[in-house]
């Protein structure tokens, strides 16, 4: 299993760094770890996907479910570090128009969210 997520948090921000492959085999582990994040109103959650080498529709489903959980709790989700391949996946599925995606070089500039 080539997958790992590290989660760091403070009072108003959580950063999850995902690495490896997110597919039907590893997505349940990602889902479980994302469900463990304590989401409250006003929280900013950043998922750094710069080390994700592959993601399939199962992984996208986990991200969408997490996004729904975030917005239901009046928090904000930002995806960062997307490779061209992942960016294309989010564009093709229309998710880039729904979920905020940081463009390269803009990580840390969350004022426009």
PDB file of N, CA and C in Angstrom:
ATOM      1  N   UNK A   1       0.849  -1.180   0.000  1.00  0.00           N
ATOM      2  CA  UNK A   1       0.000   0.000   0.000  1.00  0.00           C
ATOM      3  C   UNK A   1       0.890   1.236   0.000  1.00  0.00           C
ATOM      4  N   UNK A   2       0.865   1.969  -1.101  1.00  0.00           N
ATOM      5  CA  UNK A   2       1.666   3.170  -1.257  1.00  0.00           C
ATOM      6  C   UNK A   2       0.795   4.391  -0.978  1.00  0.00           C
ATOM      7  N   UNK A   3       0.544   4.671   0.311  1.00  0.00           N
ATOM      8  CA  UNK A   3      -0.336   5.771   0.682  1.00  0.00           C
ATOM      9  C   UNK A   3      -0.001   6.240   2.094  1.00  0.00           C
ATOM     10  N   UNK A   4      -0.116   7.580   2.287  1.00  0.00           N
ATOM     11  CA  UNK A   4       0.137   8.137   3.615  1.00  0.00           C
ATOM     12  C   UNK A   4      -0.542   9.494   3.698  1.00  0.00           C
ATOM     13  N   UNK A   5      -1.037   9.841   4.881  1.00  0.00           N
ATOM     14  CA  UNK A   5      -1.549  11.189   5.124  1.00  0.00           C
ATOM     15  C   UNK A   5      -1.035  11.656   6.475  1.00  0.00           C
ATOM     16  N   UNK A   6      -0.495  12.865   6.489  1.00  0.00           N
ATOM     17  CA  UNK A   6      -0.050  13.502   7.725  1.00  0.00           C
ATOM     18  C   UNK A   6      -0.960  14.697   7.957  1.00  0.00           C
ATOM     19  N   UNK A   7      -1.492  14.808   9.169  1.00  0.00           N
ATOM     20  CA  UNK A   7      -2.398  15.905   9.498  1.00  0.00           C
ATOM     21  C   UNK A   7      -1.786  16.733  10.616  1.00  0.00           C
ATOM     22  N   UNK A   8      -1.674  18.029  10.378  1.00  0.00           N
ATOM     23  CA  UNK A   8      -1.192  18.991  11.380  1.00  0.00           C
ATOM     24  C   UNK A   8      -2.272  20.036  11.565  1.00  0.00           C
ATOM     25  N   UNK A   9      -2.500  20.432  12.812  1.00  0.00           N
ATOM     26  CA  UNK A   9      -3.557  21.408  13.041  1.00  0.00           C
ATOM     27  C   UNK A   9      -3.194  22.397  14.129  1.00  0.00           C
ATOM     28  N   UNK A  10      -3.840  23.561  14.047  1.00  0.00           N
ATOM     29  CA  UNK A  10      -3.809  24.532  15.126  1.00  0.00           C
ATOM     30  C   UNK A  10      -5.249  24.992  15.324  1.00  0.00           C
ATOM     31  N   UNK A  11      -5.467  26.084  15.989  1.00  0.00           N
ATOM     32  CA  UNK A  11      -6.820  26.508  16.358  1.00  0.00           C
ATOM     33  C   UNK A  11      -7.736  26.741  15.154  1.00  0.00           C
ATOM     34  N   UNK A  12      -7.221  27.325  14.076  1.00  0.00           N
ATOM     35  CA  UNK A  12      -8.080  27.723  12.962  1.00  0.00           C
ATOM     36  C   UNK A  12      -7.744  27.083  11.631  1.00  0.00           C
ATOM     37  N   UNK A  13      -6.733  26.208  11.605  1.00  0.00           N
ATOM     38  CA  UNK A  13      -6.310  25.636  10.334  1.00  0.00           C
ATOM     39  C   UNK A  13      -5.834  24.195  10.521  1.00  0.00           C
ATOM     40  N   UNK A  14      -6.211  23.371   9.563  1.00  0.00           N
ATOM     41  CA  UNK A  14      -5.736  21.987   9.511  1.00  0.00           C
ATOM     42  C   UNK A  14      -5.103  21.785   8.141  1.00  0.00           C
ATOM     43  N   UNK A  15      -3.904  21.216   8.127  1.00  0.00           N
ATOM     44  CA  UNK A  15      -3.240  20.904   6.867  1.00  0.00           C
ATOM     45  C   UNK A  15      -3.016  19.398   6.817  1.00  0.00           C
ATOM     46  N   UNK A  16      -3.589  18.786   5.800  1.00  0.00           N
ATOM     47  CA  UNK A  16      -3.386  17.360   5.566  1.00  0.00           C
ATOM     48  C   UNK A  16      -2.532  17.187   4.333  1.00  0.00           C
ATOM     49  N   UNK A  17      -1.421  16.490   4.469  1.00  0.00           N
ATOM     50  CA  UNK A  17      -0.536  16.230   3.339  1.00  0.00           C
ATOM     51  C   UNK A  17      -0.695  14.774   2.941  1.00  0.00           C
ATOM     52  N   UNK A  18      -1.206  14.579   1.737  1.00  0.00           N
ATOM     53  CA  UNK A  18      -1.484  13.238   1.236  1.00  0.00           C
ATOM     54  C   UNK A  18      -0.376  12.850   0.277  1.00  0.00           C
ATOM     55  N   UNK A  19       0.109  11.618   0.382  1.00  0.00           N
ATOM     56  CA  UNK A  19       1.132  11.154  -0.549  1.00  0.00           C
ATOM     57  C   UNK A  19       0.841   9.725  -0.970  1.00  0.00           C
ATOM     58  N   UNK A  20       1.304   9.405  -2.177  1.00  0.00           N
ATOM     59  CA  UNK A  20       1.129   8.064  -2.709  1.00  0.00           C
ATOM     60  C   UNK A  20      -0.057   7.969  -3.659  1.00  0.00           C
ATOM     61  N   UNK A  21      -0.641   6.785  -3.734  1.00  0.00           N
ATOM     62  CA  UNK A  21      -1.752   6.521  -4.630  1.00  0.00           C
ATOM     63  C   UNK A  21      -3.060   6.504  -3.859  1.00  0.00           C
ATOM     64  N   UNK A  22      -4.060   7.213  -4.382  1.00  0.00           N
ATOM     65  CA  UNK A  22      -5.386   7.222  -3.772  1.00  0.00           C
ATOM     66  C   UNK A  22      -6.314   6.508  -4.751  1.00  0.00           C
ATOM     67  N   UNK A  23      -6.617   5.264  -4.415  1.00  0.00           N
ATOM     68  CA  UNK A  23      -7.434   4.435  -5.305  1.00  0.00           C
ATOM     69  C   UNK A  23      -8.416   3.617  -4.475  1.00  0.00           C
ATOM     70  N   UNK A  24      -9.073   2.660  -5.109  1.00  0.00           N
ATOM     71  CA  UNK A  24     -10.080   1.852  -4.421  1.00  0.00           C
ATOM     72  C   UNK A  24      -9.502   1.133  -3.198  1.00  0.00           C
ATOM     73  N   UNK A  25      -8.225   0.821  -3.218  1.00  0.00           N
ATOM     74  CA  UNK A  25      -7.591   0.120  -2.105  1.00  0.00           C
ATOM     75  C   UNK A  25      -7.260   1.047  -0.944  1.00  0.00           C
ATOM     76  N   UNK A  26      -6.783   2.260  -1.248  1.00  0.00           N
ATOM     77  CA  UNK A  26      -6.333   3.173  -0.197  1.00  0.00           C
ATOM     78  C   UNK A  26      -7.378   4.209   0.219  1.00  0.00           C
ATOM     79  N   UNK A  27      -8.399   4.429  -0.612  1.00  0.00           N
ATOM     80  CA  UNK A  27      -9.411   5.453  -0.321  1.00  0.00           C
ATOM     81  C   UNK A  27     -10.115   5.247   1.022  1.00  0.00           C
ATOM     82  N   UNK A  28     -10.444   4.016   1.424  1.00  0.00           N
ATOM     83  CA  UNK A  28     -11.081   3.852   2.737  1.00  0.00           C
ATOM     84  C   UNK A  28     -10.214   4.374   3.891  1.00  0.00           C
ATOM     85  N   UNK A  29      -8.909   4.210   3.792  1.00  0.00           N
ATOM     86  CA  UNK A  29      -8.008   4.722   4.825  1.00  0.00           C
ATOM     87  C   UNK A  29      -8.007   6.256   4.822  1.00  0.00           C
ATOM     88  N   UNK A  30      -7.994   6.855   3.635  1.00  0.00           N
ATOM     89  CA  UNK A  30      -8.060   8.312   3.536  1.00  0.00           C
ATOM     90  C   UNK A  30      -9.364   8.808   4.136  1.00  0.00           C
ATOM     91  N   UNK A  31     -10.463   8.158   3.780  1.00  0.00           N
ATOM     92  CA  UNK A  31     -11.775   8.552   4.297  1.00  0.00           C
ATOM     93  C   UNK A  31     -11.803   8.496   5.820  1.00  0.00           C
ATOM     94  N   UNK A  32     -11.293   7.418   6.378  1.00  0.00           N
ATOM     95  CA  UNK A  32     -11.266   7.237   7.833  1.00  0.00           C
ATOM     96  C   UNK A  32     -10.468   8.345   8.518  1.00  0.00           C
ATOM     97  N   UNK A  33      -9.320   8.663   7.953  1.00  0.00           N
ATOM     98  CA  UNK A  33      -8.474   9.686   8.562  1.00  0.00           C
ATOM     99  C   UNK A  33      -9.062  11.089   8.404  1.00  0.00           C
ATOM    100  N   UNK A  34      -9.751  11.341   7.303  1.00  0.00           N
ATOM    101  CA  UNK A  34     -10.397  12.645   7.123  1.00  0.00           C
ATOM    102  C   UNK A  34     -11.609  12.786   8.040  1.00  0.00           C
ATOM    103  N   UNK A  35     -12.325  11.698   8.278  1.00  0.00           N
ATOM    104  CA  UNK A  35     -13.461  11.739   9.203  1.00  0.00           C
ATOM    105  C   UNK A  35     -13.018  12.040  10.629  1.00  0.00           C
ATOM    106  N   UNK A  36     -11.766  11.739  10.946  1.00  0.00           N
ATOM    107  CA  UNK A  36     -11.244  11.977  12.291  1.00  0.00           C
ATOM    108  C   UNK A  36     -10.906  13.447  12.537  1.00  0.00           C
ATOM    109  N   UNK A  37     -10.887  14.259  11.480  1.00  0.00           N
ATOM    110  CA  UNK A  37     -10.582  15.683  11.631  1.00  0.00           C
ATOM    111  C   UNK A  37     -11.779  16.361  12.290  1.00  0.00           C
ATOM    112  N   UNK A  38     -11.508  17.092  13.370  1.00  0.00           N
ATOM    113  CA  UNK A  38     -12.550  17.817  14.097  1.00  0.00           C
ATOM    114  C   UNK A  38     -12.846  19.121  13.350  1.00  0.00           C
ATOM    115  N   UNK A  39     -13.989  19.163  12.687  1.00  0.00           N
ATOM    116  CA  UNK A  39     -14.345  20.304  11.853  1.00  0.00           C
ATOM    117  C   UNK A  39     -15.329  21.189  12.594  1.00  0.00           C
ATOM    118  N   UNK A  40     -14.977  22.475  12.689  1.00  0.00           N
ATOM    119  CA  UNK A  40     -15.881  23.426  13.317  1.00  0.00           C
ATOM    120  C   UNK A  40     -16.002  24.668  12.449  1.00  0.00           C
ATOM    121  N   UNK A  41     -16.995  25.478  12.745  1.00  0.00           N
ATOM    122  CA  UNK A  41     -17.301  26.670  11.959  1.00  0.00           C
ATOM    123  C   UNK A  41     -16.069  27.575  11.842  1.00  0.00           C
ATOM    124  N   UNK A  42     -15.790  28.004  10.611  1.00  0.00           N
ATOM    125  CA  UNK A  42     -14.687  28.921  10.363  1.00  0.00           C
ATOM    126  C   UNK A  42     -13.332  28.261  10.164  1.00  0.00           C
ATOM    127  N   UNK A  43     -13.255  26.956  10.332  1.00  0.00           N
ATOM    128  CA  UNK A  43     -11.982  26.248  10.176  1.00  0.00           C
ATOM    129  C   UNK A  43     -11.562  26.237   8.709  1.00  0.00           C
ATOM    130  N   UNK A  44     -10.284  26.407   8.457  1.00  0.00           N
ATOM    131  CA  UNK A  44      -9.713  26.279   7.118  1.00  0.00           C
ATOM    132  C   UNK A  44      -8.975  24.946   7.064  1.00  0.00           C
ATOM    133  N   UNK A  45      -9.358  24.115   6.109  1.00  0.00           N
ATOM    134  CA  UNK A  45      -8.712  22.819   5.923  1.00  0.00           C
ATOM    135  C   UNK A  45      -8.025  22.835   4.564  1.00  0.00           C
ATOM    136  N   UNK A  46      -6.735  22.577   4.577  1.00  0.00           N
ATOM    137  CA  UNK A  46      -5.975  22.494   3.328  1.00  0.00           C
ATOM    138  C   UNK A  46      -5.525  21.059   3.133  1.00  0.00           C
ATOM    139  N   UNK A  47      -5.845  20.503   1.975  1.00  0.00           N
ATOM    140  CA  UNK A  47      -5.330  19.190   1.607  1.00  0.00           C
ATOM    141  C   UNK A  47      -4.250  19.413   0.555  1.00  0.00           C
ATOM    142  N   UNK A  48      -3.019  19.114   0.937  1.00  0.00           N
ATOM    143  CA  UNK A  48      -1.886  19.244   0.028  1.00  0.00           C
ATOM    144  C   UNK A  48      -1.743  17.923  -0.709  1.00  0.00           C
ATOM    145  N   UNK A  49      -1.947  17.961  -2.027  1.00  0.00           N
ATOM    146  CA  UNK A  49      -1.909  16.748  -2.839  1.00  0.00           C
ATOM    147  C   UNK A  49      -0.655  16.673  -3.706  1.00  0.00           C
ATOM    148  N   UNK A  50       0.369  17.451  -3.371  1.00  0.00           N
ATOM    149  CA  UNK A  50       1.570  17.528  -4.207  1.00  0.00           C
ATOM    150  C   UNK A  50       2.318  16.208  -4.309  1.00  0.00           C
ATOM    151  N   UNK A  51       2.125  15.327  -3.344  1.00  0.00           N
ATOM    152  CA  UNK A  51       2.823  14.035  -3.361  1.00  0.00           C
ATOM    153  C   UNK A  51       1.924  12.881  -3.805  1.00  0.00           C
ATOM    154  N   UNK A  52       0.731  13.205  -4.316  1.00  0.00           N
ATOM    155  CA  UNK A  52      -0.173  12.165  -4.808  1.00  0.00           C
ATOM    156  C   UNK A  52       0.239  11.805  -6.232  1.00  0.00           C
ATOM    157  N   UNK A  53       0.597  10.549  -6.425  1.00  0.00           N
ATOM    158  CA  UNK A  53       1.057  10.104  -7.741  1.00  0.00           C
ATOM    159  C   UNK A  53      -0.079   9.590  -8.619  1.00  0.00           C
ATOM    160  N   UNK A  54      -1.215   9.230  -7.994  1.00  0.00           N
ATOM    161  CA  UNK A  54      -2.343   8.695  -8.751  1.00  0.00           C
ATOM    162  C   UNK A  54      -3.609   8.837  -7.925  1.00  0.00           C
ATOM    163  N   UNK A  55      -4.714   9.177  -8.593  1.00  0.00           N
ATOM    164  CA  UNK A  55      -6.005   9.214  -7.924  1.00  0.00           C
ATOM    165  C   UNK A  55      -7.060   8.737  -8.912  1.00  0.00           C
ATOM    166  N   UNK A  56      -7.929   7.833  -8.454  1.00  0.00           N
ATOM    167  CA  UNK A  56      -9.017   7.372  -9.303  1.00  0.00           C
ATOM    168  C   UNK A  56     -10.343   7.926  -8.797  1.00  0.00           C
ATOM    169  N   UNK A  57     -11.438   7.461  -9.371  1.00  0.00           N
ATOM    170  CA  UNK A  57     -12.757   7.989  -9.017  1.00  0.00           C
ATOM    171  C   UNK A  57     -13.123   7.718  -7.558  1.00  0.00           C
ATOM    172  N   UNK A  58     -12.598   6.658  -6.990  1.00  0.00           N
ATOM    173  CA  UNK A  58     -12.853   6.379  -5.579  1.00  0.00           C
ATOM    174  C   UNK A  58     -12.234   7.456  -4.706  1.00  0.00           C
ATOM    175  N   UNK A  59     -11.029   7.867  -5.043  1.00  0.00           N
ATOM    176  CA  UNK A  59     -10.362   8.954  -4.327  1.00  0.00           C
ATOM    177  C   UNK A  59     -11.112  10.264  -4.478  1.00  0.00           C
ATOM    178  N   UNK A  60     -11.589  10.535  -5.693  1.00  0.00           N
ATOM    179  CA  UNK A  60     -12.392  11.743  -5.914  1.00  0.00           C
ATOM    180  C   UNK A  60     -13.647  11.721  -5.045  1.00  0.00           C
ATOM    181  N   UNK A  61     -14.259  10.551  -4.932  1.00  0.00           N
ATOM    182  CA  UNK A  61     -15.456  10.409  -4.106  1.00  0.00           C
ATOM    183  C   UNK A  61     -15.181  10.741  -2.647  1.00  0.00           C
ATOM    184  N   UNK A  62     -14.033  10.340  -2.149  1.00  0.00           N
ATOM    185  CA  UNK A  62     -13.651  10.645  -0.764  1.00  0.00           C
ATOM    186  C   UNK A  62     -13.463  12.155  -0.596  1.00  0.00           C
ATOM    187  N   UNK A  63     -12.823  12.788  -1.571  1.00  0.00           N
ATOM    188  CA  UNK A  63     -12.610  14.237  -1.515  1.00  0.00           C
ATOM    189  C   UNK A  63     -13.959  14.972  -1.538  1.00  0.00           C
ATOM    190  N   UNK A  64     -14.878  14.529  -2.399  1.00  0.00           N
ATOM    191  CA  UNK A  64     -16.199  15.157  -2.486  1.00  0.00           C
ATOM    192  C   UNK A  64     -16.972  14.994  -1.180  1.00  0.00           C
ATOM    193  N   UNK A  65     -16.942  13.801  -0.597  1.00  0.00           N
ATOM    194  CA  UNK A  65     -17.629  13.572   0.674  1.00  0.00           C
ATOM    195  C   UNK A  65     -17.032  14.447   1.773  1.00  0.00           C
ATOM    196  N   UNK A  66     -15.706  14.576   1.783  1.00  0.00           N
ATOM    197  CA  UNK A  66     -15.040  15.428   2.766  1.00  0.00           C
ATOM    198  C   UNK A  66     -15.437  16.886   2.551  1.00  0.00           C
ATOM    199  N   UNK A  67     -15.484  17.321   1.293  1.00  0.00           N
ATOM    200  CA  UNK A  67     -15.907  18.685   0.963  1.00  0.00           C
ATOM    201  C   UNK A  67     -17.320  18.945   1.487  1.00  0.00           C
ATOM    202  N   UNK A  68     -18.225  18.007   1.278  1.00  0.00           N
ATOM    203  CA  UNK A  68     -19.604  18.159   1.760  1.00  0.00           C
ATOM    204  C   UNK A  68     -19.644  18.273   3.279  1.00  0.00           C
ATOM    205  N   UNK A  69     -18.842  17.474   3.962  1.00  0.00           N
ATOM    206  CA  UNK A  69     -18.770  17.523   5.421  1.00  0.00           C
ATOM    207  C   UNK A  69     -18.225  18.881   5.880  1.00  0.00           C
ATOM    208  N   UNK A  70     -17.204  19.357   5.195  1.00  0.00           N
ATOM    209  CA  UNK A  70     -16.600  20.656   5.517  1.00  0.00           C
ATOM    210  C   UNK A  70     -17.639  21.769   5.377  1.00  0.00           C
ATOM    211  N   UNK A  71     -18.308  21.821   4.225  1.00  0.00           N
ATOM    212  CA  UNK A  71     -19.261  22.911   3.989  1.00  0.00           C
ATOM    213  C   UNK A  71     -20.476  22.800   4.895  1.00  0.00           C
ATOM    214  N   UNK A  72     -20.901  21.596   5.233  1.00  0.00           N
ATOM    215  CA  UNK A  72     -22.034  21.420   6.156  1.00  0.00           C
ATOM    216  C   UNK A  72     -21.711  21.975   7.535  1.00  0.00           C
ATOM    217  N   UNK A  73     -20.436  21.996   7.878  1.00  0.00           N
ATOM    218  CA  UNK A  73     -20.000  22.517   9.172  1.00  0.00           C
ATOM    219  C   UNK A  73     -19.487  23.955   9.079  1.00  0.00           C
ATOM    220  N   UNK A  74     -19.787  24.627   7.964  1.00  0.00           N
ATOM    221  CA  UNK A  74     -19.429  26.026   7.743  1.00  0.00           C
ATOM    222  C   UNK A  74     -17.928  26.284   7.850  1.00  0.00           C
ATOM    223  N   UNK A  75     -17.163  25.333   7.350  1.00  0.00           N
ATOM    224  CA  UNK A  75     -15.710  25.479   7.276  1.00  0.00           C
ATOM    225  C   UNK A  75     -15.335  25.606   5.796  1.00  0.00           C
ATOM    226  N   UNK A  76     -14.040  25.742   5.513  1.00  0.00           N
ATOM    227  CA  UNK A  76     -13.575  25.918   4.135  1.00  0.00           C
ATOM    228  C   UNK A  76     -12.511  24.879   3.804  1.00  0.00           C
ATOM    229  N   UNK A  77     -12.584  24.373   2.563  1.00  0.00           N
ATOM    230  CA  UNK A  77     -11.604  23.407   2.078  1.00  0.00           C
ATOM    231  C   UNK A  77     -10.835  24.009   0.916  1.00  0.00           C
ATOM    232  N   UNK A  78      -9.516  23.835   0.957  1.00  0.00           N
ATOM    233  CA  UNK A  78      -8.635  24.255  -0.128  1.00  0.00           C
ATOM    234  C   UNK A  78      -7.785  23.049  -0.509  1.00  0.00           C
ATOM    235  N   UNK A  79      -7.714  22.777  -1.804  1.00  0.00           N
ATOM    236  CA  UNK A  79      -6.804  21.749  -2.303  1.00  0.00           C
ATOM    237  C   UNK A  79      -5.579  22.457  -2.855  1.00  0.00           C
ATOM    238  N   UNK A  80      -4.402  21.953  -2.546  1.00  0.00           N
ATOM    239  CA  UNK A  80      -3.180  22.588  -3.033  1.00  0.00           C
ATOM    240  C   UNK A  80      -2.217  21.542  -3.574  1.00  0.00           C
ATOM    241  N   UNK A  81      -1.270  22.016  -4.367  1.00  0.00           N
ATOM    242  CA  UNK A  81      -0.202  21.160  -4.866  1.00  0.00           C
ATOM    243  C   UNK A  81      -0.629  20.150  -5.909  1.00  0.00           C
ATOM    244  N   UNK A  82      -1.697  20.419  -6.639  1.00  0.00           N
ATOM    245  CA  UNK A  82      -2.159  19.465  -7.643  1.00  0.00           C
ATOM    246  C   UNK A  82      -1.192  19.419  -8.821  1.00  0.00           C
ATOM    247  N   UNK A  83      -0.844  18.215  -9.233  1.00  0.00           N
ATOM    248  CA  UNK A  83      -0.044  18.038 -10.437  1.00  0.00           C
ATOM    249  C   UNK A  83      -0.938  18.376 -11.638  1.00  0.00           C
ATOM    250  N   UNK A  84      -0.351  18.491 -12.800  1.00  0.00           N
ATOM    251  CA  UNK A  84      -1.146  18.754 -13.999  1.00  0.00           C
ATOM    252  C   UNK A  84      -2.165  17.646 -14.215  1.00  0.00           C
ATOM    253  N   UNK A  85      -1.771  16.427 -13.942  1.00  0.00           N
ATOM    254  CA  UNK A  85      -2.677  15.279 -14.121  1.00  0.00           C
ATOM    255  C   UNK A  85      -3.867  15.375 -13.166  1.00  0.00           C
ATOM    256  N   UNK A  86      -3.601  15.688 -11.894  1.00  0.00           N
ATOM    257  CA  UNK A  86      -4.702  15.825 -10.939  1.00  0.00           C
ATOM    258  C   UNK A  86      -5.570  17.031 -11.266  1.00  0.00           C
ATOM    259  N   UNK A  87      -4.943  18.133 -11.663  1.00  0.00           N
ATOM    260  CA  UNK A  87      -5.714  19.323 -12.033  1.00  0.00           C
ATOM    261  C   UNK A  87      -6.660  18.987 -13.180  1.00  0.00           C
ATOM    262  N   UNK A  88      -6.163  18.255 -14.152  1.00  0.00           N
ATOM    263  CA  UNK A  88      -6.992  17.853 -15.291  1.00  0.00           C
ATOM    264  C   UNK A  88      -8.148  16.973 -14.832  1.00  0.00           C
ATOM    265  N   UNK A  89      -7.899  16.058 -13.908  1.00  0.00           N
ATOM    266  CA  UNK A  89      -8.945  15.193 -13.373  1.00  0.00           C
ATOM    267  C   UNK A  89     -10.046  16.022 -12.713  1.00  0.00           C
ATOM    268  N   UNK A  90      -9.659  17.019 -11.922  1.00  0.00           N
ATOM    269  CA  UNK A  90     -10.630  17.885 -11.269  1.00  0.00           C
ATOM    270  C   UNK A  90     -11.356  18.773 -12.288  1.00  0.00           C
ATOM    271  N   UNK A  91     -10.654  19.198 -13.339  1.00  0.00           N
ATOM    272  CA  UNK A  91     -11.278  20.004 -14.386  1.00  0.00           C
ATOM    273  C   UNK A  91     -12.300  19.188 -15.178  1.00  0.00           C
ATOM    274  N   UNK A  92     -11.917  18.000 -15.606  1.00  0.00           N
ATOM    275  CA  UNK A  92     -12.798  17.144 -16.408  1.00  0.00           C
ATOM    276  C   UNK A  92     -14.076  16.793 -15.655  1.00  0.00           C
ATOM    277  N   UNK A  93     -13.955  16.546 -14.369  1.00  0.00           N
ATOM    278  CA  UNK A  93     -15.121  16.164 -13.572  1.00  0.00           C
ATOM    279  C   UNK A  93     -15.956  17.362 -13.133  1.00  0.00           C
ATOM    280  N   UNK A  94     -15.454  18.568 -13.364  1.00  0.00           N
ATOM    281  CA  UNK A  94     -16.163  19.770 -12.962  1.00  0.00           C
ATOM    282  C   UNK A  94     -15.936  20.158 -11.510  1.00  0.00           C
ATOM    283  N   UNK A  95     -15.146  19.381 -10.794  1.00  0.00           N
ATOM    284  CA  UNK A  95     -14.906  19.653  -9.377  1.00  0.00           C
ATOM    285  C   UNK A  95     -14.070  20.902  -9.145  1.00  0.00           C
ATOM    286  N   UNK A  96     -13.275  21.282 -10.132  1.00  0.00           N
ATOM    287  CA  UNK A  96     -12.464  22.491  -9.965  1.00  0.00           C
ATOM    288  C   UNK A  96     -13.339  23.739  -9.924  1.00  0.00           C
ATOM    289  N   UNK A  97     -14.570  23.636 -10.390  1.00  0.00           N
ATOM    290  CA  UNK A  97     -15.502  24.745 -10.301  1.00  0.00           C
ATOM    291  C   UNK A  97     -16.273  24.771  -8.996  1.00  0.00           C
ATOM    292  N   UNK A  98     -16.120  23.723  -8.198  1.00  0.00           N
ATOM    293  CA  UNK A  98     -16.845  23.594  -6.936  1.00  0.00           C
ATOM    294  C   UNK A  98     -15.907  23.737  -5.740  1.00  0.00           C
ATOM    295  N   UNK A  99     -14.819  23.003  -5.763  1.00  0.00           N
ATOM    296  CA  UNK A  99     -13.847  22.995  -4.670  1.00  0.00           C
ATOM    297  C   UNK A  99     -12.731  23.982  -4.997  1.00  0.00           C
ATOM    298  N   UNK A 100     -12.365  24.810  -4.013  1.00  0.00           N
ATOM    299  CA  UNK A 100     -11.296  25.786  -4.230  1.00  0.00           C
ATOM    300  C   UNK A 100      -9.956  25.070  -4.380  1.00  0.00           C
ATOM    301  N   UNK A 101      -9.271  25.350  -5.480  1.00  0.00           N
ATOM    302  CA  UNK A 101      -7.960  24.757  -5.736  1.00  0.00           C
ATOM    303  C   UNK A 101      -6.940  25.871  -5.827  1.00  0.00           C
ATOM    304  N   UNK A 102      -5.929  25.802  -4.969  1.00  0.00           N
ATOM    305  CA  UNK A 102      -4.824  26.771  -5.000  1.00  0.00           C
ATOM    306  C   UNK A 102      -3.993  26.514  -6.241  1.00  0.00           C
ATOM    307  N   UNK A 103      -3.701  27.575  -6.952  1.00  0.00           N
ATOM    308  CA  UNK A 103      -2.805  27.461  -8.097  1.00  0.00           C
ATOM    309  C   UNK A 103      -1.378  27.505  -7.587  1.00  0.00           C
ATOM    310  N   UNK A 104      -0.453  26.970  -8.360  1.00  0.00           N
ATOM    311  CA  UNK A 104       0.960  26.920  -7.967  1.00  0.00           C
ATOM    312  C   UNK A 104       1.467  28.302  -7.584  1.00  0.00           C
ATOM    313  N   UNK A 105       2.162  28.367  -6.460  1.00  0.00           N
ATOM    314  CA  UNK A 105       2.743  29.613  -5.992  1.00  0.00           C
ATOM    315  C   UNK A 105       1.813  30.415  -5.102  1.00  0.00           C
ATOM    316  N   UNK A 106       0.560  29.950  -4.959  1.00  0.00           N
ATOM    317  CA  UNK A 106      -0.405  30.712  -4.168  1.00  0.00           C
ATOM    318  C   UNK A 106      -0.666  30.079  -2.808  1.00  0.00           C
ATOM    319  N   UNK A 107      -0.007  28.962  -2.503  1.00  0.00           N
ATOM    320  CA  UNK A 107      -0.239  28.297  -1.227  1.00  0.00           C
ATOM    321  C   UNK A 107       0.096  29.246  -0.098  1.00  0.00           C
ATOM    322  N   UNK A 108      -0.817  29.326   0.873  1.00  0.00           N
ATOM    323  CA  UNK A 108      -0.627  30.215   2.000  1.00  0.00           C
ATOM    324  C   UNK A 108      -1.411  31.506   1.849  1.00  0.00           C
ATOM    325  N   UNK A 109      -1.866  31.830   0.644  1.00  0.00           N
ATOM    326  CA  UNK A 109      -2.647  33.038   0.396  1.00  0.00           C
ATOM    327  C   UNK A 109      -4.124  32.648   0.363  1.00  0.00           C
ATOM    328  N   UNK A 110      -4.728  32.517   1.539  1.00  0.00           N
ATOM    329  CA  UNK A 110      -6.095  32.039   1.626  1.00  0.00           C
ATOM    330  C   UNK A 110      -7.089  33.174   1.851  1.00  0.00           C
ATOM    331  N   UNK A 111      -6.656  34.408   1.748  1.00  0.00           N
ATOM    332  CA  UNK A 111      -7.537  35.541   2.015  1.00  0.00           C
ATOM    333  C   UNK A 111      -8.671  35.632   1.011  1.00  0.00           C
ATOM    334  N   UNK A 112      -8.477  35.122  -0.211  1.00  0.00           N
ATOM    335  CA  UNK A 112      -9.497  35.264  -1.234  1.00  0.00           C
ATOM    336  C   UNK A 112     -10.580  34.200  -1.173  1.00  0.00           C
ATOM    337  N   UNK A 113     -10.492  33.291  -0.234  1.00  0.00           N
ATOM    338  CA  UNK A 113     -11.463  32.203  -0.132  1.00  0.00           C
ATOM    339  C   UNK A 113     -12.795  32.750   0.342  1.00  0.00           C
TER     340      UNK A 113
END
